[in-house]
Amino acid sequence: MSCDIERLFALLLLFEKRQFSSVYSLDMGIEGLMARLGSEIDRLISERDDFISRNIEALNDSGIRMLTYWDDSYPESLKNISDPPLVLFYKGQISLLAIKKKIGIVGSRRATSYGLTMARRMARAVVEAGAVTVSGGAFGIDNAVHKNSCIEDEYRSIVVMGCGLSDFYPRSYAAFFEKFLKNGGLILSEFLPLIPPAKHTFPRRNRLISGLSDVVVVIEAAKRSGALITAGYAVEQGKDVYALPGRVDSPASEGTNRLIYDGAIPIFDLDSFLEEIGLSAKERDRMPLDVDLNPVDNVLLSIVQREGNLTLEDLIALSGLDYSEVLNRISQLEIKGLIQRMGGIICLA
């Protein structure tokens, strides 16, 4: 699809400003829309020429590419949502959009160690099973998902930004995003390159996360959370919503526990979850015990493998061993890179 980029950007501003997408059908095609809205486009170009020009310059300088609603590669799943974006701006491997299975994994920016651990494990399991993860690139759960959606240094993950792509957001993740793009990841947005992050941009971003995903998983969410907005969009779009149960006295799990109460599917086991969504767990998810470990190490490691996340007290109770012996062997297993301790929680590394 080819058209005057200045007029295209003006059209995007019109749709955002006056919600023309609810009045004019996108089935008219780009030429039809340009013809019907020609006078409005001309007026907006004259009023905001400098802003449009700066966005075109940012597009060219930042290596941003575009995919329009009418291009063959535009995701069919987004065409089926309400108010689909006219343009997807992107950096990275657009071929990830063609991978059949995409799993949205979202959650709190203020995640607990338990939430972060489960986000890491789920992201690894999903990509090892051949799927792609989708999340919002934010602090907390989102970042844990993107960083761990990696096989042999190749990222199989899609970041949906709540701002334009002329700069990375959050900026503190710029170095990671550069590595992410260099090694196969995809970052996309519906916003013009210079649109900054704002309160209203993130809910719009969330509908694209759910729209791109076959199912949506909420790891942790407070009572009021952007992750719950994503779950709401998923329900509207006819997608299954899964939620990770959490402690009833933890504010970080108040939203996820409420989702389960309201009908979201609880996740009790990663392998079962993968099977339910049509994926198969890799055999290394159930890694064999190291034959060089002593019998006590084998006992402790098998408990951690079976139970997932647990406290030191839980491990002592389940193993029947004394405190000093468990503490010493856990330290050795951690040195060997077989387990990790995060905020009092013991889990597989």
Foldseek 3Di string as FASTA:
>chain_A
DDDDQLLVVLVQVCCVPPVCCVVDPCVCDPVSVCVVCVVVSVVSCVVPVVVSVVLVVLCVVQVKDKDAPPDPLDQPLQVLAPPRFRMKIKAADSCLLVQDAEEEEDADLPDAPVLLLVLLLLLLQQVVLPHEYEYAPHHDSRVSNQVNNDDPQAHRYEHEYLFAQSADPPNVCRVVVVSNRVRGYMYIYSYRRHGDHDPVSLLVSLLVSLSSHQAYEYRWYAPDGSSVSSVVSNVVSVHAYEYEADDPPDRRHPNRVVVVVVPHHYDDDSQVVQVVVPTHGDPCLQPDDDPPDDPVLVLLLVCQSVVFKDALVVSCVVSVDDSVVSVVSLVVCVVVQQWDDGPRIIHGD
